[in-house]
C-alpha atoms as a PDB file:
ATOM      1  CA  MET A   1     -74.929  84.823 -46.069  1.00  0.00           C
ATOM      2  CA  ARG A   2     -71.866  85.235 -43.842  1.00  0.00           C
ATOM      3  CA  LEU A   3     -71.893  85.452 -40.154  1.00  0.00           C
ATOM      4  CA  GLY A   4     -72.032  89.152 -39.167  1.00  0.00           C
ATOM      5  CA  GLU A   5     -73.618  91.117 -42.064  1.00  0.00           C
ATOM      6  CA  ARG A   6     -76.847  92.350 -41.693  1.00  0.00           C
ATOM      7  CA  MET A   7     -79.906  93.021 -44.360  1.00  0.00           C
ATOM      8  CA  ARG A   8     -81.883  96.563 -44.210  1.00  0.00           C
ATOM      9  CA  THR A   9     -85.741  95.743 -44.412  1.00  0.00           C
ATOM     10  CA  THR A  10     -87.661  98.481 -46.955  1.00  0.00           C
ATOM     11  CA  ASN A  11     -87.951 100.905 -43.640  1.00  0.00           C
ATOM     12  CA  GLY A  12     -84.540 101.167 -42.706  1.00  0.00           C
ATOM     13  CA  SER A  13     -84.124  98.910 -39.604  1.00  0.00           C
ATOM     14  CA  VAL A  14     -81.446  96.639 -39.513  1.00  0.00           C
ATOM     15  CA  PHE A  15     -81.682  92.901 -38.369  1.00  0.00           C
ATOM     16  CA  PRO A  16     -79.215  89.630 -37.975  1.00  0.00           C
ATOM     17  CA  GLY A  17     -78.786  88.032 -40.756  1.00  0.00           C
ATOM     18  CA  ASN A  18     -82.315  86.699 -42.610  1.00  0.00           C
ATOM     19  CA  GLN A  19     -84.472  87.697 -40.212  1.00  0.00           C
ATOM     20  CA  LEU A  20     -87.443  90.009 -40.629  1.00  0.00           C
ATOM     21  CA  PRO A  21     -89.640  91.196 -37.823  1.00  0.00           C
ATOM     22  CA  ASN A  22     -92.452  89.142 -36.830  1.00  0.00           C
ATOM     23  CA  THR A  23     -95.784  90.443 -37.385  1.00  0.00           C
ATOM     24  CA  ASN A  24     -96.620  91.418 -34.070  1.00  0.00           C
ATOM     25  CA  ALA A  25     -93.081  93.248 -33.852  1.00  0.00           C
ATOM     26  CA  ARG A  26     -94.239  95.067 -36.885  1.00  0.00           C
ATOM     27  CA  GLU A  27     -97.713  95.857 -35.655  1.00  0.00           C
ATOM     28  CA  GLN A  28     -96.367  97.076 -32.045  1.00  0.00           C
ATOM     29  CA  LEU A  29     -93.880  99.514 -34.199  1.00  0.00           C
ATOM     30  CA  ALA A  30     -97.139 100.854 -36.265  1.00  0.00           C
ATOM     31  CA  ARG A  31     -99.196 101.526 -33.083  1.00  0.00           C
ATOM     32  CA  ARG A  32     -96.269 103.083 -31.050  1.00  0.00           C
ATOM     33  CA  MET A  33     -95.721 105.773 -34.686  1.00  0.00           C
ATOM     34  CA  ALA A  34     -99.662 106.264 -34.726  1.00  0.00           C
ATOM     35  CA  ALA A  35    -100.128 107.195 -30.674  1.00  0.00           C
ATOM     36  CA  PRO A  36    -100.967 110.155 -30.222  1.00  0.00           C
ATOM     37  CA  LEU A  37     -97.889 112.803 -28.894  1.00  0.00           C
ATOM     38  CA  THR A  38     -98.573 113.004 -25.148  1.00  0.00           C
ATOM     39  CA  HIS A  39     -98.149 108.951 -24.842  1.00  0.00           C
ATOM     40  CA  TRP A  40     -94.784 109.106 -26.607  1.00  0.00           C
ATOM     41  CA  TRP A  41     -93.386 109.158 -23.298  1.00  0.00           C
ATOM     42  CA  ARG A  42     -94.320 105.647 -22.303  1.00  0.00           C
ATOM     43  CA  LEU A  43     -93.719 104.263 -26.164  1.00  0.00           C
ATOM     44  CA  ARG A  44     -90.757 105.533 -27.276  1.00  0.00           C
ATOM     45  CA  SER A  45     -87.317 105.136 -26.396  1.00  0.00           C
ATOM     46  CA  PRO A  46     -85.302 107.952 -25.484  1.00  0.00           C
ATOM     47  CA  HIS A  47     -82.919 107.983 -28.512  1.00  0.00           C
ATOM     48  CA  ASP A  48     -85.618 107.890 -30.501  1.00  0.00           C
ATOM     49  CA  LEU A  49     -86.884 111.131 -29.615  1.00  0.00           C
ATOM     50  CA  SER A  50     -85.158 114.131 -31.480  1.00  0.00           C
ATOM     51  CA  MET A  51     -85.420 118.168 -30.884  1.00  0.00           C
ATOM     52  CA  ARG A  52     -88.273 117.737 -33.466  1.00  0.00           C
ATOM     53  CA  ASP A  53     -89.870 115.865 -31.719  1.00  0.00           C
ATOM     54  CA  VAL A  54     -89.620 117.627 -28.987  1.00  0.00           C
ATOM     55  CA  ARG A  55     -90.984 120.349 -30.538  1.00  0.00           C
ATOM     56  CA  ALA A  56     -94.127 118.836 -31.800  1.00  0.00           C
ATOM     57  CA  ILE A  57     -94.870 117.700 -28.055  1.00  0.00           C
ATOM     58  CA  ARG A  58     -94.870 121.593 -26.772  1.00  0.00           C
ATOM     59  CA  GLU A  59     -96.967 122.400 -29.586  1.00  0.00           C
ATOM     60  CA  ALA A  60     -99.519 119.863 -28.890  1.00  0.00           C
ATOM     61  CA  LEU A  61     -99.159 120.440 -25.123  1.00  0.00           C
ATOM     62  CA  LEU A  62    -100.027 123.726 -25.979  1.00  0.00           C
ATOM     63  CA  GLU A  63    -103.294 123.221 -27.653  1.00  0.00           C
ATOM     64  CA  THR A  64    -104.455 121.273 -24.289  1.00  0.00           C
ATOM     65  CA  ASP A  65    -106.689 122.663 -21.483  1.00  0.00           C
ATOM     66  CA  LEU A  66    -106.053 119.350 -19.458  1.00  0.00           C
ATOM     67  CA  VAL A  67    -104.268 120.695 -17.094  1.00  0.00           C
ATOM     68  CA  ARG A  68    -104.685 123.707 -14.164  1.00  0.00           C
ATOM     69  CA  ASP A  69    -101.634 124.908 -12.824  1.00  0.00           C
ATOM     70  CA  CYS A  70     -99.995 128.355 -12.923  1.00  0.00           C
ATOM     71  CA  ASP A  71     -97.219 127.170 -14.042  1.00  0.00           C
ATOM     72  CA  TRP A  72     -98.156 125.258 -16.781  1.00  0.00           C
ATOM     73  CA  PHE A  73     -97.058 127.726 -19.799  1.00  0.00           C
ATOM     74  CA  ARG A  74     -93.777 127.966 -18.105  1.00  0.00           C
ATOM     75  CA  ALA A  75     -93.747 124.057 -17.958  1.00  0.00           C
ATOM     76  CA  VAL A  76     -94.030 123.291 -21.577  1.00  0.00           C
ATOM     77  CA  ALA A  77     -91.992 125.973 -22.386  1.00  0.00           C
ATOM     78  CA  GLY A  78     -89.039 124.202 -21.244  1.00  0.00           C
ATOM     79  CA  ASP A  79     -88.492 125.575 -17.102  1.00  0.00           C
ATOM     80  CA  ALA A  80     -87.838 121.927 -15.981  1.00  0.00           C
ATOM     81  CA  ALA A  81     -88.307 123.045 -12.413  1.00  0.00           C
ATOM     82  CA  ALA A  82     -92.148 124.291 -13.119  1.00  0.00           C
ATOM     83  CA  ALA A  83     -92.269 120.802 -15.058  1.00  0.00           C
ATOM     84  CA  ILE A  84     -90.881 118.870 -12.712  1.00  0.00           C
ATOM     85  CA  GLY A  85     -92.794 120.271  -9.494  1.00  0.00           C
ATOM     86  CA  ILE A  86     -96.062 119.820 -12.068  1.00  0.00           C
ATOM     87  CA  ALA A  87     -95.186 116.247 -12.250  1.00  0.00           C
ATOM     88  CA  ILE A  88     -94.562 115.658  -8.864  1.00  0.00           C
ATOM     89  CA  LYS A  89     -97.908 116.754  -7.810  1.00  0.00           C
ATOM     90  CA  GLY A  90     -99.833 115.624 -10.853  1.00  0.00           C
ATOM     91  CA  LEU A  91     -98.587 111.660 -10.189  1.00  0.00           C
ATOM     92  CA  LYS A  92     -99.123 112.146  -6.415  1.00  0.00           C
ATOM     93  CA  SER A  93    -103.191 113.117  -7.053  1.00  0.00           C
ATOM     94  CA  HIS A  94    -103.682 111.519 -10.755  1.00  0.00           C
ATOM     95  CA  GLY A  95    -103.454 107.835 -11.392  1.00  0.00           C
ATOM     96  CA  MET A  96    -101.416 106.282 -14.581  1.00  0.00           C
ATOM     97  CA  LYS A  97    -104.200 106.181 -16.573  1.00  0.00           C
ATOM     98  CA  ASP A  98    -105.294 109.516 -16.476  1.00  0.00           C
ATOM     99  CA  PRO A  99    -104.929 112.079 -19.337  1.00  0.00           C
ATOM    100  CA  VAL A 100    -103.387 114.633 -17.360  1.00  0.00           C
ATOM    101  CA  THR A 101    -100.855 112.455 -16.524  1.00  0.00           C
ATOM    102  CA  ASP A 102     -99.273 111.580 -19.797  1.00  0.00           C
ATOM    103  CA  ALA A 103     -99.517 115.632 -20.652  1.00  0.00           C
ATOM    104  CA  ILE A 104     -97.472 116.493 -17.472  1.00  0.00           C
ATOM    105  CA  VAL A 105     -94.898 113.634 -18.247  1.00  0.00           C
ATOM    106  CA  SER A 106     -94.816 114.731 -21.505  1.00  0.00           C
ATOM    107  CA  ALA A 107     -93.815 118.058 -20.683  1.00  0.00           C
ATOM    108  CA  VAL A 108     -91.235 116.311 -18.144  1.00  0.00           C
ATOM    109  CA  LEU A 109     -90.002 114.675 -21.489  1.00  0.00           C
ATOM    110  CA  CYS A 110     -89.150 117.457 -23.372  1.00  0.00           C
ATOM    111  CA  CYS A 111     -87.128 119.011 -20.868  1.00  0.00           C
ATOM    112  CA  ALA A 112     -85.441 115.111 -20.199  1.00  0.00           C
ATOM    113  CA  VAL A 113     -84.074 115.271 -24.011  1.00  0.00           C
ATOM    114  CA  GLU A 114     -82.784 118.458 -23.933  1.00  0.00           C
ATOM    115  CA  GLY A 115     -80.117 117.330 -21.194  1.00  0.00           C
ATOM    116  CA  ASN A 116     -82.145 118.327 -17.411  1.00  0.00           C
ATOM    117  CA  PRO A 117     -81.002 115.702 -15.273  1.00  0.00           C
ATOM    118  CA  GLY A 118     -83.509 116.206 -12.855  1.00  0.00           C
ATOM    119  CA  ALA A 119     -86.311 115.389 -15.321  1.00  0.00           C
ATOM    120  CA  LYS A 120     -84.310 112.326 -16.485  1.00  0.00           C
ATOM    121  CA  VAL A 121     -84.931 111.237 -12.489  1.00  0.00           C
ATOM    122  CA  VAL A 122     -88.575 111.929 -13.084  1.00  0.00           C
ATOM    123  CA  MET A 123     -89.109 110.253 -16.425  1.00  0.00           C
ATOM    124  CA  ILE A 124     -87.936 107.173 -14.435  1.00  0.00           C
ATOM    125  CA  SER A 125     -89.468 106.848 -11.612  1.00  0.00           C
ATOM    126  CA  ALA A 126     -93.042 107.712 -13.789  1.00  0.00           C
ATOM    127  CA  LEU A 127     -91.758 104.812 -16.040  1.00  0.00           C
ATOM    128  CA  TRP A 128     -91.353 102.989 -12.906  1.00  0.00           C
ATOM    129  CA  ARG A 129     -94.606 103.232 -11.765  1.00  0.00           C
ATOM    130  CA  ARG A 130     -96.559 103.184 -14.713  1.00  0.00           C
ATOM    131  CA  ALA A 131     -94.852  99.349 -15.443  1.00  0.00           C
ATOM    132  CA  ARG A 132     -97.251  98.318 -13.029  1.00  0.00           C
ATOM    133  CA  ILE A 133     -99.944  98.138 -15.545  1.00  0.00           C
ATOM    134  CA  ASP A 134     -97.587  98.366 -19.030  1.00  0.00           C
ATOM    135  CA  PRO A 135     -94.899  96.033 -18.851  1.00  0.00           C
ATOM    136  CA  VAL A 136     -93.049  97.935 -22.576  1.00  0.00           C
ATOM    137  CA  CYS A 137     -92.872 100.576 -19.430  1.00  0.00           C
ATOM    138  CA  TYR A 138     -90.002  98.856 -18.055  1.00  0.00           C
ATOM    139  CA  GLY A 139     -87.798  98.699 -20.964  1.00  0.00           C
ATOM    140  CA  LEU A 140     -88.105 102.096 -21.387  1.00  0.00           C
ATOM    141  CA  ARG A 141     -87.088 102.830 -17.999  1.00  0.00           C
ATOM    142  CA  VAL A 142     -83.878 101.058 -18.390  1.00  0.00           C
ATOM    143  CA  ARG A 143     -83.262 102.805 -22.079  1.00  0.00           C
ATOM    144  CA  TRP A 144     -83.600 106.001 -19.793  1.00  0.00           C
ATOM    145  CA  LEU A 145     -81.033 104.355 -16.685  1.00  0.00           C
ATOM    146  CA  HIS A 146     -78.145 104.281 -19.483  1.00  0.00           C
ATOM    147  CA  ALA A 147     -79.395 107.462 -21.995  1.00  0.00           C
ATOM    148  CA  LYS A 148     -76.950 110.210 -22.411  1.00  0.00           C
ATOM    149  CA  PHE A 149     -78.074 113.478 -23.840  1.00  0.00           C
END
């Protein structure tokens, strides 16, 4: 193969030269794709999320009864101010391992993907906090810093 050529794998990913991802990388990718929708905020890059994903996350959030806030339905429906307010309160009172945290940050994620700059800042903050216990979040935080919607 000549310098600069790329090879497509069966799943459509592009890898330089003849390199294929190692088994560990494949397992991580499979685990990220199989994760619950409310975990996507801490597993998937902002560029990997589409409006279809936002719709799916919101449908999952409508089915949850974890968050006890009067503005929850407004936050899930796309009101960025409500989502950010709930997230700020929730991140203070719940730990980073609590399922409620996954739900409230997922609502913020939807607003951030839709282009709300305040939601993007909250995403970066949540990923920074989560990076202390989950090193994957450090790389995601850097991607969110450079993401443009």
